[in-house]
Amino acid sequence: ERRTHKPEVGGSIPPGTTTSRTFRGSFLLECFLDLCVIINTMNNKKGFTLIELMIVGAFAALLVIIFFLQKANIEAMDRDDARKTAINAMYYALEEYYYPKYGYYPDTISEENLPVIDPEFFTDPFGNNLGIEGSNYTYEVANCNSKNECQEYTLRAQLEKEDTYIKKGKK
């Protein structure tokens, strides 16, 4: 159906200008067509106004800020996942390798007494080794005898985006 379009805001459309559309179309399509008619009837000035450039610049700055905030969150979540993977590797090495072989848990863990896992798992994402002050990883033992043979332990990882990740020995 054809109808004569008269804009409600801004610009003037010459009398008799029509747009071709059906009233069954979506609201957004109608708005877009209205905008096209208004733009086509405005003076043919070239370039952008200062306000338009400022709006585009502000929008671009907002997108950059959002990008870097999300990037930082994603990187922190990746580091947390790496910490959980390391704690799980230590846990399974203790439960499936060390305890069945020796019948107790060691008083400290390292690549020497847990050779079945990658030595890099003992280093947190910031380069601090397990047991060193400032490390995101801790290994705590309990119920140890005089030979440092322990019956319980707790592995912990300090996470950035979640609570501390904890794994305790089964025995």
C-alpha atoms as a PDB file:
ATOM      1  CA  GLU A   1       0.000   0.000   0.000  1.00  0.00           C
ATOM      2  CA  ARG A   2       1.361   3.459  -0.797  1.00  0.00           C
ATOM      3  CA  ARG A   3       0.973   6.451   1.446  1.00  0.00           C
ATOM      4  CA  THR A   4       2.276   9.973   1.696  1.00  0.00           C
ATOM      5  CA  HIS A   5       4.869  10.242   4.450  1.00  0.00           C
ATOM      6  CA  LYS A   6       5.064  13.287   6.674  1.00  0.00           C
ATOM      7  CA  PRO A   7       7.935  13.203   9.163  1.00  0.00           C
ATOM      8  CA  GLU A   8       7.278  14.028  12.781  1.00  0.00           C
ATOM      9  CA  VAL A   9      10.758  15.312  13.597  1.00  0.00           C
ATOM     10  CA  GLY A  10      13.415  17.192  11.626  1.00  0.00           C
ATOM     11  CA  GLY A  11      13.817  17.883   7.921  1.00  0.00           C
ATOM     12  CA  SER A  12      11.117  18.638   5.451  1.00  0.00           C
ATOM     13  CA  ILE A  13       9.892  16.337   2.743  1.00  0.00           C
ATOM     14  CA  PRO A  14       8.615  17.819  -0.469  1.00  0.00           C
ATOM     15  CA  PRO A  15       4.858  17.519  -0.894  1.00  0.00           C
ATOM     16  CA  GLY A  16       3.808  14.389  -2.695  1.00  0.00           C
ATOM     17  CA  THR A  17       6.877  12.325  -1.643  1.00  0.00           C
ATOM     18  CA  THR A  18       5.749   8.779  -1.001  1.00  0.00           C
ATOM     19  CA  THR A  19       7.257   5.661   0.448  1.00  0.00           C
ATOM     20  CA  SER A  20       6.278   2.201  -0.618  1.00  0.00           C
ATOM     21  CA  ARG A  21       5.644  -0.219   2.218  1.00  0.00           C
ATOM     22  CA  THR A  22       3.034  -2.468   3.678  1.00  0.00           C
ATOM     23  CA  PHE A  23       1.719  -1.995   7.153  1.00  0.00           C
ATOM     24  CA  ARG A  24       2.500  -5.636   7.889  1.00  0.00           C
ATOM     25  CA  GLY A  25       6.254  -4.825   8.099  1.00  0.00           C
ATOM     26  CA  SER A  26       8.118  -4.648  11.362  1.00  0.00           C
ATOM     27  CA  PHE A  27       8.368  -1.492  13.402  1.00  0.00           C
ATOM     28  CA  LEU A  28      12.146  -1.326  12.938  1.00  0.00           C
ATOM     29  CA  LEU A  29      11.793  -1.573   9.170  1.00  0.00           C
ATOM     30  CA  GLU A  30       9.281   1.262   9.189  1.00  0.00           C
ATOM     31  CA  CYS A  31      11.612   3.400  11.307  1.00  0.00           C
ATOM     32  CA  PHE A  32      14.513   2.651   8.963  1.00  0.00           C
ATOM     33  CA  LEU A  33      12.466   3.632   5.920  1.00  0.00           C
ATOM     34  CA  ASP A  34      11.363   6.834   7.623  1.00  0.00           C
ATOM     35  CA  LEU A  35      14.988   7.655   8.418  1.00  0.00           C
ATOM     36  CA  CYS A  36      16.022   6.975   4.811  1.00  0.00           C
ATOM     37  CA  VAL A  37      13.369   9.367   3.516  1.00  0.00           C
ATOM     38  CA  ILE A  38      14.437  12.082   5.958  1.00  0.00           C
ATOM     39  CA  ILE A  39      18.131  11.655   5.111  1.00  0.00           C
ATOM     40  CA  ASN A  40      17.453  11.718   1.363  1.00  0.00           C
ATOM     41  CA  THR A  41      15.551  14.974   1.614  1.00  0.00           C
ATOM     42  CA  MET A  42      18.103  16.852   3.738  1.00  0.00           C
ATOM     43  CA  ASN A  43      20.595  19.190   2.137  1.00  0.00           C
ATOM     44  CA  ASN A  44      23.483  17.376   0.480  1.00  0.00           C
ATOM     45  CA  LYS A  45      26.154  18.671   2.863  1.00  0.00           C
ATOM     46  CA  LYS A  46      29.424  16.755   2.942  1.00  0.00           C
ATOM     47  CA  GLY A  47      31.297  15.879   6.139  1.00  0.00           C
ATOM     48  CA  PHE A  48      30.262  15.392   9.736  1.00  0.00           C
ATOM     49  CA  THR A  49      29.321  17.841  12.440  1.00  0.00           C
ATOM     50  CA  LEU A  50      31.385  18.148  15.583  1.00  0.00           C
ATOM     51  CA  ILE A  51      28.583  16.605  17.643  1.00  0.00           C
ATOM     52  CA  GLU A  52      28.458  13.546  15.356  1.00  0.00           C
ATOM     53  CA  LEU A  53      32.214  13.069  15.649  1.00  0.00           C
ATOM     54  CA  MET A  54      32.074  13.420  19.439  1.00  0.00           C
ATOM     55  CA  ILE A  55      29.291  10.831  19.684  1.00  0.00           C
ATOM     56  CA  VAL A  56      31.206   8.367  17.511  1.00  0.00           C
ATOM     57  CA  GLY A  57      34.384   8.978  19.543  1.00  0.00           C
ATOM     58  CA  ALA A  58      32.551   8.453  22.846  1.00  0.00           C
ATOM     59  CA  PHE A  59      30.988   5.252  21.536  1.00  0.00           C
ATOM     60  CA  ALA A  60      34.374   3.967  20.337  1.00  0.00           C
ATOM     61  CA  ALA A  61      35.944   4.790  23.724  1.00  0.00           C
ATOM     62  CA  LEU A  62      33.143   2.910  25.504  1.00  0.00           C
ATOM     63  CA  LEU A  63      33.734  -0.139  23.314  1.00  0.00           C
ATOM     64  CA  VAL A  64      37.481  -0.053  24.035  1.00  0.00           C
ATOM     65  CA  ILE A  65      36.851   0.163  27.797  1.00  0.00           C
ATOM     66  CA  ILE A  66      34.407  -2.762  27.682  1.00  0.00           C
ATOM     67  CA  PHE A  67      36.865  -4.803  25.604  1.00  0.00           C
ATOM     68  CA  PHE A  68      39.748  -4.352  28.049  1.00  0.00           C
ATOM     69  CA  LEU A  69      37.567  -5.030  31.109  1.00  0.00           C
ATOM     70  CA  GLN A  70      36.303  -8.261  29.566  1.00  0.00           C
ATOM     71  CA  LYS A  71      39.810  -9.205  28.458  1.00  0.00           C
ATOM     72  CA  ALA A  72      41.081  -8.825  32.038  1.00  0.00           C
ATOM     73  CA  ASN A  73      38.209 -10.963  33.366  1.00  0.00           C
ATOM     74  CA  ILE A  74      38.810 -13.686  30.792  1.00  0.00           C
ATOM     75  CA  GLU A  75      42.541 -13.763  31.553  1.00  0.00           C
ATOM     76  CA  ALA A  76      41.840 -14.049  35.314  1.00  0.00           C
ATOM     77  CA  MET A  77      39.401 -16.903  34.698  1.00  0.00           C
ATOM     78  CA  ASP A  78      42.034 -18.646  32.547  1.00  0.00           C
ATOM     79  CA  ARG A  79      44.586 -18.331  35.362  1.00  0.00           C
ATOM     80  CA  ASP A  80      42.013 -19.733  37.813  1.00  0.00           C
ATOM     81  CA  ASP A  81      41.410 -22.693  35.494  1.00  0.00           C
ATOM     82  CA  ALA A  82      45.168 -23.312  35.329  1.00  0.00           C
ATOM     83  CA  ARG A  83      45.344 -23.277  39.142  1.00  0.00           C
ATOM     84  CA  LYS A  84      42.492 -25.788  39.430  1.00  0.00           C
ATOM     85  CA  THR A  85      44.140 -28.040  36.846  1.00  0.00           C
ATOM     86  CA  ALA A  86      47.414 -27.967  38.791  1.00  0.00           C
ATOM     87  CA  ILE A  87      45.721 -28.766  42.123  1.00  0.00           C
ATOM     88  CA  ASN A  88      43.797 -31.633  40.498  1.00  0.00           C
ATOM     89  CA  ALA A  89      47.006 -33.019  38.968  1.00  0.00           C
ATOM     90  CA  MET A  90      48.738 -32.950  42.371  1.00  0.00           C
ATOM     91  CA  TYR A  91      45.690 -34.503  44.038  1.00  0.00           C
ATOM     92  CA  TYR A  92      45.454 -37.411  41.590  1.00  0.00           C
ATOM     93  CA  ALA A  93      49.211 -37.985  41.705  1.00  0.00           C
ATOM     94  CA  LEU A  94      49.006 -38.256  45.501  1.00  0.00           C
ATOM     95  CA  GLU A  95      45.909 -40.476  45.476  1.00  0.00           C
ATOM     96  CA  GLU A  96      46.711 -42.755  42.553  1.00  0.00           C
ATOM     97  CA  TYR A  97      50.509 -42.880  42.595  1.00  0.00           C
ATOM     98  CA  TYR A  98      52.051 -41.916  45.912  1.00  0.00           C
ATOM     99  CA  TYR A  99      49.617 -43.297  48.529  1.00  0.00           C
ATOM    100  CA  PRO A 100      49.104 -46.717  46.865  1.00  0.00           C
ATOM    101  CA  LYS A 101      52.892 -47.096  46.495  1.00  0.00           C
ATOM    102  CA  TYR A 102      53.947 -45.949  49.998  1.00  0.00           C
ATOM    103  CA  GLY A 103      50.797 -46.177  52.180  1.00  0.00           C
ATOM    104  CA  TYR A 104      51.075 -42.596  53.420  1.00  0.00           C
ATOM    105  CA  TYR A 105      51.295 -39.037  52.108  1.00  0.00           C
ATOM    106  CA  PRO A 106      54.580 -37.082  52.041  1.00  0.00           C
ATOM    107  CA  ASP A 107      55.105 -34.107  54.324  1.00  0.00           C
ATOM    108  CA  THR A 108      56.041 -31.986  51.281  1.00  0.00           C
ATOM    109  CA  ILE A 109      55.425 -32.449  47.588  1.00  0.00           C
ATOM    110  CA  SER A 110      57.634 -31.607  44.648  1.00  0.00           C
ATOM    111  CA  GLU A 111      58.682 -32.980  41.297  1.00  0.00           C
ATOM    112  CA  GLU A 112      61.108 -35.318  43.108  1.00  0.00           C
ATOM    113  CA  ASN A 113      58.463 -37.265  45.031  1.00  0.00           C
ATOM    114  CA  LEU A 114      55.663 -36.847  42.441  1.00  0.00           C
ATOM    115  CA  PRO A 115      57.464 -37.520  39.160  1.00  0.00           C
ATOM    116  CA  VAL A 116      54.255 -38.636  37.438  1.00  0.00           C
ATOM    117  CA  ILE A 117      53.057 -35.075  36.813  1.00  0.00           C
ATOM    118  CA  ASP A 118      54.482 -32.235  34.776  1.00  0.00           C
ATOM    119  CA  PRO A 119      56.881 -30.177  36.949  1.00  0.00           C
ATOM    120  CA  GLU A 120      55.232 -26.982  35.687  1.00  0.00           C
ATOM    121  CA  PHE A 121      52.146 -27.816  37.773  1.00  0.00           C
ATOM    122  CA  PHE A 122      54.140 -26.934  40.913  1.00  0.00           C
ATOM    123  CA  THR A 123      54.487 -23.340  39.654  1.00  0.00           C
ATOM    124  CA  ASP A 124      51.514 -20.968  39.832  1.00  0.00           C
ATOM    125  CA  PRO A 125      50.549 -18.674  36.907  1.00  0.00           C
ATOM    126  CA  PHE A 126      52.730 -15.892  38.344  1.00  0.00           C
ATOM    127  CA  GLY A 127      55.845 -18.091  38.500  1.00  0.00           C
ATOM    128  CA  ASN A 128      55.866 -18.872  42.253  1.00  0.00           C
ATOM    129  CA  ASN A 129      56.621 -22.480  43.255  1.00  0.00           C
ATOM    130  CA  LEU A 130      54.498 -24.487  45.676  1.00  0.00           C
ATOM    131  CA  GLY A 131      55.655 -23.949  49.247  1.00  0.00           C
ATOM    132  CA  ILE A 132      57.285 -20.576  48.599  1.00  0.00           C
ATOM    133  CA  GLU A 133      55.792 -17.487  50.208  1.00  0.00           C
ATOM    134  CA  GLY A 134      53.523 -15.690  47.767  1.00  0.00           C
ATOM    135  CA  SER A 135      52.587 -18.854  45.882  1.00  0.00           C
ATOM    136  CA  ASN A 136      48.933 -19.372  45.035  1.00  0.00           C
ATOM    137  CA  TYR A 137      49.342 -23.047  46.011  1.00  0.00           C
ATOM    138  CA  THR A 138      49.612 -24.585  49.473  1.00  0.00           C
ATOM    139  CA  TYR A 139      50.031 -28.174  50.635  1.00  0.00           C
ATOM    140  CA  GLU A 140      49.135 -28.761  54.296  1.00  0.00           C
ATOM    141  CA  VAL A 141      49.548 -32.116  56.045  1.00  0.00           C
ATOM    142  CA  ALA A 142      48.034 -33.573  59.221  1.00  0.00           C
ATOM    143  CA  ASN A 143      48.340 -36.722  61.336  1.00  0.00           C
ATOM    144  CA  CYS A 144      52.042 -37.202  60.614  1.00  0.00           C
ATOM    145  CA  ASN A 145      54.297 -39.576  62.552  1.00  0.00           C
ATOM    146  CA  SER A 146      57.936 -39.011  63.511  1.00  0.00           C
ATOM    147  CA  LYS A 147      59.092 -40.206  60.066  1.00  0.00           C
ATOM    148  CA  ASN A 148      57.002 -37.468  58.365  1.00  0.00           C
ATOM    149  CA  GLU A 149      54.563 -40.057  57.046  1.00  0.00           C
ATOM    150  CA  CYS A 150      51.191 -38.319  56.954  1.00  0.00           C
ATOM    151  CA  GLN A 151      47.625 -39.643  56.806  1.00  0.00           C
ATOM    152  CA  GLU A 152      45.859 -36.435  55.736  1.00  0.00           C
ATOM    153  CA  TYR A 153      46.533 -33.437  53.547  1.00  0.00           C
ATOM    154  CA  THR A 154      44.841 -30.404  52.024  1.00  0.00           C
ATOM    155  CA  LEU A 155      45.752 -28.766  48.715  1.00  0.00           C
ATOM    156  CA  ARG A 156      44.642 -25.152  48.206  1.00  0.00           C
ATOM    157  CA  ALA A 157      44.757 -22.683  45.354  1.00  0.00           C
ATOM    158  CA  GLN A 158      43.985 -19.002  45.838  1.00  0.00           C
ATOM    159  CA  LEU A 159      41.764 -17.972  42.926  1.00  0.00           C
ATOM    160  CA  GLU A 160      41.130 -14.492  41.551  1.00  0.00           C
ATOM    161  CA  LYS A 161      37.472 -14.775  40.552  1.00  0.00           C
ATOM    162  CA  GLU A 162      36.237 -17.486  42.923  1.00  0.00           C
ATOM    163  CA  ASP A 163      36.715 -18.712  46.481  1.00  0.00           C
ATOM    164  CA  THR A 164      39.776 -20.740  47.383  1.00  0.00           C
ATOM    165  CA  TYR A 165      39.870 -24.089  45.570  1.00  0.00           C
ATOM    166  CA  ILE A 166      40.408 -26.944  48.062  1.00  0.00           C
ATOM    167  CA  LYS A 167      41.103 -30.660  47.624  1.00  0.00           C
ATOM    168  CA  LYS A 168      41.512 -32.931  50.657  1.00  0.00           C
ATOM    169  CA  GLY A 169      43.058 -36.389  50.825  1.00  0.00           C
ATOM    170  CA  LYS A 170      40.659 -39.355  50.773  1.00  0.00           C
ATOM    171  CA  LYS A 171      42.283 -41.411  53.499  1.00  0.00           C
END
